Amino acid sequence: MNYFAHGLPYLDQPYVLAGTAVPDWLSVVDRRARVRARTVAPHADATGAEDAQLAAGILQHLDDDQWFHGTRGFVEVTGAMTREFREVLGPGDGMRCSFLGHIVTELLLDRVLIEQHPGVLDRYYEVMSEVEPTVVEANVNRWARQPTRQLDPFIPLFLAERFLDDYRHTERLLRRLNQVMRRVKLPSLPREVLPVLEHGAELVRDRQGDLLPAERYPGIG
């Protein structure tokens, strides 16, 4: 899952919503500051306090990832995407293609959900803007393996950049995808992958029920 899919059911709970983004934020700004369920769980005590809500959102993200990556839909769609990237990029590019099969499936799922819920992406950003970045960072530093000073300044940039908007447009999605490739030190992707992204969106749309089973995913909050 990616940001929008993780957060969609929690648009009425700002700090839970922020918590669903924390693991992905940390993967961007400071991979050393990982959060683990065992250190976060004691703080998700249902009191309604900001730290409890944040902890609940982080735990929800971690749980979502566990069941989502185990669904038949995810295994089959990522496999299909990997094969399509390999056809374009060549059989000698296996590691990059496997990485792409995984991440592109998740980005395209956000694209499909954003398209299906007009106007809700604006609400996502509006609710997220209600959280105080210093509060998020302070609590994450209580629970993370190592503290970070990168989260507080990054959250306003996340809100200003609104890169989730770009997922709806294939060429802009490719630009964002290449930013990810540079961050993980993999070669950038050529424009020849644009048809793969377009077909991937169709595949994700067709398999949405297998990617987000109704018994596991509550949908929009």
Protein backbone atom coordinates (compact mmCIF):
# COMPACT_ATOMS: atom_id res chain seq x y z
CA MET A 1 0.00 0.00 0.00
CA ASN A 2 0.93 3.62 -0.45
CA TYR A 3 -0.09 6.84 1.32
CA PHE A 4 -3.65 7.28 0.01
CA ALA A 5 -4.71 3.66 0.37
CA HIS A 6 -3.32 3.51 3.91
CA GLY A 7 -5.00 6.73 4.94
CA LEU A 8 -8.35 6.60 3.16
CA PRO A 9 -10.30 4.95 6.01
CA TYR A 10 -9.05 7.51 8.59
CA LEU A 11 -9.89 10.90 7.15
CA ASP A 12 -11.80 11.86 10.29
CA GLN A 13 -8.80 11.26 12.60
CA PRO A 14 -5.85 13.56 11.79
CA TYR A 15 -3.22 11.91 13.99
CA VAL A 16 -4.26 8.39 12.98
CA LEU A 17 -3.99 9.55 9.36
CA ALA A 18 -0.51 10.95 10.03
CA GLY A 19 0.46 7.69 11.70
CA THR A 20 -0.46 5.75 8.58
CA ALA A 21 2.08 7.88 6.70
CA VAL A 22 4.92 7.76 9.24
CA PRO A 23 6.66 4.56 8.04
CA ASP A 24 6.68 5.84 4.45
CA TRP A 25 7.83 9.30 5.52
CA LEU A 26 10.74 7.73 7.40
CA SER A 27 11.67 5.59 4.41
CA VAL A 28 12.11 8.84 2.47
CA VAL A 29 13.86 11.07 5.00
CA ASP A 30 15.67 8.77 7.44
CA ARG A 31 15.69 5.00 7.02
CA ARG A 32 17.63 4.56 10.25
CA ALA A 33 14.66 5.84 12.26
CA ARG A 34 12.40 2.85 11.72
CA VAL A 35 9.40 2.22 13.93
CA ARG A 36 8.59 -1.29 15.13
CA ALA A 37 5.23 -2.62 16.24
CA ARG A 38 6.57 -3.86 19.58
CA THR A 39 7.76 -0.39 20.63
CA VAL A 40 4.71 1.46 19.29
CA ALA A 41 1.95 -0.88 20.47
CA PRO A 42 2.04 0.06 24.19
CA HIS A 43 1.20 3.66 23.27
CA ALA A 44 -1.89 2.84 21.14
CA ASP A 45 -4.07 2.76 24.24
CA ALA A 46 -7.34 4.13 22.79
CA THR A 47 -7.27 7.18 25.08
CA GLY A 48 -7.79 9.53 22.15
CA ALA A 49 -4.61 11.45 22.96
CA GLU A 50 -2.51 12.61 20.04
CA ASP A 51 0.28 10.14 20.75
CA ALA A 52 -2.19 7.26 21.07
CA GLN A 53 -3.81 8.13 17.75
CA LEU A 54 -0.42 8.46 16.06
CA ALA A 55 0.64 5.09 17.43
CA ALA A 56 -2.62 3.51 16.25
CA GLY A 57 -2.02 4.84 12.74
CA ILE A 58 1.51 3.47 12.64
CA LEU A 59 0.30 0.05 13.78
CA GLN A 60 -2.44 0.16 11.15
CA HIS A 61 0.14 0.84 8.45
CA LEU A 62 2.31 -2.07 9.59
CA ASP A 63 -0.69 -4.41 9.75
CA ASP A 64 -1.96 -3.26 6.34
CA ASP A 65 1.40 -3.99 4.76
CA GLN A 66 1.48 -7.48 6.23
CA TRP A 67 -1.90 -8.63 4.92
CA PHE A 68 -1.74 -6.63 1.68
CA HIS A 69 1.57 -8.12 0.57
CA GLY A 70 0.14 -11.58 1.25
CA THR A 71 -2.95 -11.24 -0.93
CA ARG A 72 -3.28 -13.24 -4.10
CA GLY A 73 -3.99 -10.02 -5.95
CA PHE A 74 -0.71 -8.43 -4.89
CA VAL A 75 1.36 -11.50 -5.77
CA GLU A 76 -0.25 -11.86 -9.19
CA VAL A 77 -0.36 -8.18 -10.14
CA THR A 78 3.24 -7.54 -9.09
CA GLY A 79 4.30 -10.60 -11.04
CA ALA A 80 2.53 -9.37 -14.15
CA MET A 81 3.98 -5.89 -13.77
CA THR A 82 7.48 -7.29 -13.30
CA ARG A 83 7.18 -9.29 -16.52
CA GLU A 84 5.95 -6.26 -18.46
CA PHE A 85 8.82 -4.10 -17.22
CA ARG A 86 11.26 -6.87 -18.12
CA GLU A 87 9.91 -6.97 -21.67
CA VAL A 88 10.71 -3.26 -22.05
CA LEU A 89 13.90 -2.98 -20.01
CA GLY A 90 15.44 -6.34 -20.88
CA PRO A 91 15.98 -9.63 -19.05
CA GLY A 92 19.28 -8.44 -17.57
CA ASP A 93 17.49 -5.85 -15.44
CA GLY A 94 15.83 -8.29 -13.05
CA MET A 95 16.38 -6.49 -9.75
CA ARG A 96 15.03 -3.18 -11.01
CA CYS A 97 12.05 -4.90 -12.65
CA SER A 98 11.14 -6.77 -9.45
CA PHE A 99 11.36 -3.54 -7.47
CA LEU A 100 9.20 -1.81 -10.06
CA GLY A 101 6.59 -4.55 -10.04
CA HIS A 102 6.14 -4.01 -6.31
CA ILE A 103 6.22 -0.23 -6.06
CA VAL A 104 4.26 0.51 -9.24
CA THR A 105 1.42 -1.76 -8.14
CA GLU A 106 1.13 0.29 -4.96
CA LEU A 107 1.34 3.68 -6.69
CA LEU A 108 -1.25 2.65 -9.27
CA LEU A 109 -3.58 1.45 -6.53
CA ASP A 110 -3.44 4.97 -5.10
CA ARG A 111 -4.17 6.30 -8.59
CA VAL A 112 -7.25 4.10 -8.94
CA LEU A 113 -8.57 5.03 -5.48
CA ILE A 114 -8.00 8.74 -6.11
CA GLU A 115 -9.91 8.50 -9.39
CA GLN A 116 -12.76 6.63 -7.70
CA HIS A 117 -13.16 9.25 -4.96
CA PRO A 118 -13.22 12.69 -6.62
CA GLY A 119 -12.27 15.49 -4.25
CA VAL A 120 -11.16 13.16 -1.47
CA LEU A 121 -7.48 13.72 -2.13
CA ASP A 122 -8.03 17.39 -1.23
CA ARG A 123 -9.65 16.22 2.00
CA TYR A 124 -6.68 13.93 2.67
CA TYR A 125 -4.30 16.88 2.52
CA GLU A 126 -6.61 19.16 4.48
CA VAL A 127 -6.91 16.67 7.35
CA MET A 128 -3.18 15.94 7.29
CA SER A 129 -2.48 19.67 7.60
CA GLU A 130 -4.22 19.66 11.01
CA VAL A 131 -1.37 17.76 12.65
CA GLU A 132 1.58 19.50 14.25
CA PRO A 133 4.83 18.20 12.70
CA THR A 134 6.82 18.77 15.89
CA VAL A 135 4.36 16.57 17.80
CA VAL A 136 4.70 13.82 15.20
CA GLU A 137 8.50 13.93 15.27
CA ALA A 138 8.71 14.06 19.06
CA ASN A 139 6.55 10.98 19.47
CA VAL A 140 8.23 9.07 16.66
CA ASN A 141 11.55 9.74 18.38
CA ARG A 142 10.19 8.10 21.53
CA TRP A 143 9.50 4.90 19.60
CA ALA A 144 11.99 4.77 16.73
CA ARG A 145 15.17 2.71 16.64
CA GLN A 146 17.12 5.97 16.22
CA PRO A 147 15.87 9.55 16.59
CA THR A 148 15.52 11.81 13.58
CA ARG A 149 15.44 15.55 12.95
CA GLN A 150 14.17 15.14 9.40
CA LEU A 151 10.48 14.46 9.98
CA ASP A 152 9.46 17.86 11.33
CA PRO A 153 10.70 19.81 8.27
CA PHE A 154 9.58 17.13 5.81
CA ILE A 155 5.88 17.06 6.68
CA PRO A 156 5.20 20.65 5.47
CA LEU A 157 7.08 19.80 2.25
CA PHE A 158 4.91 16.70 1.82
CA LEU A 159 1.80 18.86 2.14
CA ALA A 160 3.08 21.56 -0.21
CA GLU A 161 4.38 19.21 -2.89
CA ARG A 162 1.13 17.17 -3.16
CA PHE A 163 2.87 14.57 -5.27
CA LEU A 164 -0.09 12.19 -4.97
CA ASP A 165 -1.85 14.48 -7.46
CA ASP A 166 0.66 13.38 -10.09
CA TYR A 167 -0.29 9.72 -9.89
CA ARG A 168 -3.36 10.41 -12.02
CA HIS A 169 -1.24 11.52 -15.00
CA THR A 170 1.03 8.88 -16.49
CA GLU A 171 3.88 11.15 -17.57
CA ARG A 172 3.90 12.92 -14.22
CA LEU A 173 3.77 9.54 -12.49
CA LEU A 174 6.87 8.51 -14.44
CA ARG A 175 8.65 11.66 -13.23
CA ARG A 176 7.78 10.86 -9.62
CA LEU A 177 8.79 7.25 -10.14
CA ASN A 178 12.18 8.35 -11.41
CA GLN A 179 12.64 10.42 -8.26
CA VAL A 180 12.19 7.20 -6.31
CA MET A 181 14.67 5.41 -8.59
CA ARG A 182 17.29 8.08 -7.93
CA ARG A 183 16.68 7.87 -4.18
CA VAL A 184 17.29 4.09 -4.15
CA LYS A 185 20.21 4.47 -6.58
CA LEU A 186 18.67 2.58 -9.50
CA PRO A 187 18.79 3.76 -13.15
CA SER A 188 16.01 6.09 -14.29
CA LEU A 189 13.25 4.74 -16.48
CA PRO A 190 12.80 5.65 -20.16
CA ARG A 191 9.57 6.89 -21.70
CA GLU A 192 9.14 3.44 -23.22
CA VAL A 193 7.63 2.29 -19.92
CA LEU A 194 4.66 4.68 -20.25
CA PRO A 195 2.45 2.00 -21.90
CA VAL A 196 3.37 -0.39 -19.07
CA LEU A 197 2.13 2.16 -16.54
CA GLU A 198 -1.09 2.68 -18.48
CA HIS A 199 -1.77 -1.04 -18.75
CA GLY A 200 -0.81 -1.48 -15.12
CA ALA A 201 -3.53 0.96 -14.07
CA GLU A 202 -6.07 -1.14 -15.98
CA LEU A 203 -4.80 -4.31 -14.33
CA VAL A 204 -4.94 -2.81 -10.84
CA ARG A 205 -8.45 -1.52 -11.52
CA ASP A 206 -9.57 -4.97 -12.67
CA ARG A 207 -8.01 -6.70 -9.65
CA GLN A 208 -8.93 -4.13 -7.02
CA GLY A 209 -11.17 -6.55 -5.14
CA ASP A 210 -8.30 -9.03 -4.87
CA LEU A 211 -5.86 -6.32 -3.77
CA LEU A 212 -8.21 -4.83 -1.17
CA PRO A 213 -10.51 -7.61 0.08
CA ALA A 214 -13.64 -6.19 1.67
CA GLU A 215 -13.11 -8.25 4.82
CA ARG A 216 -9.71 -6.58 5.40
CA TYR A 217 -10.10 -3.09 3.99
CA PRO A 218 -12.90 -0.84 5.25
CA GLY A 219 -12.64 1.77 2.50
CA ILE A 220 -13.27 5.48 2.84
CA GLY A 221 -13.73 6.84 6.33
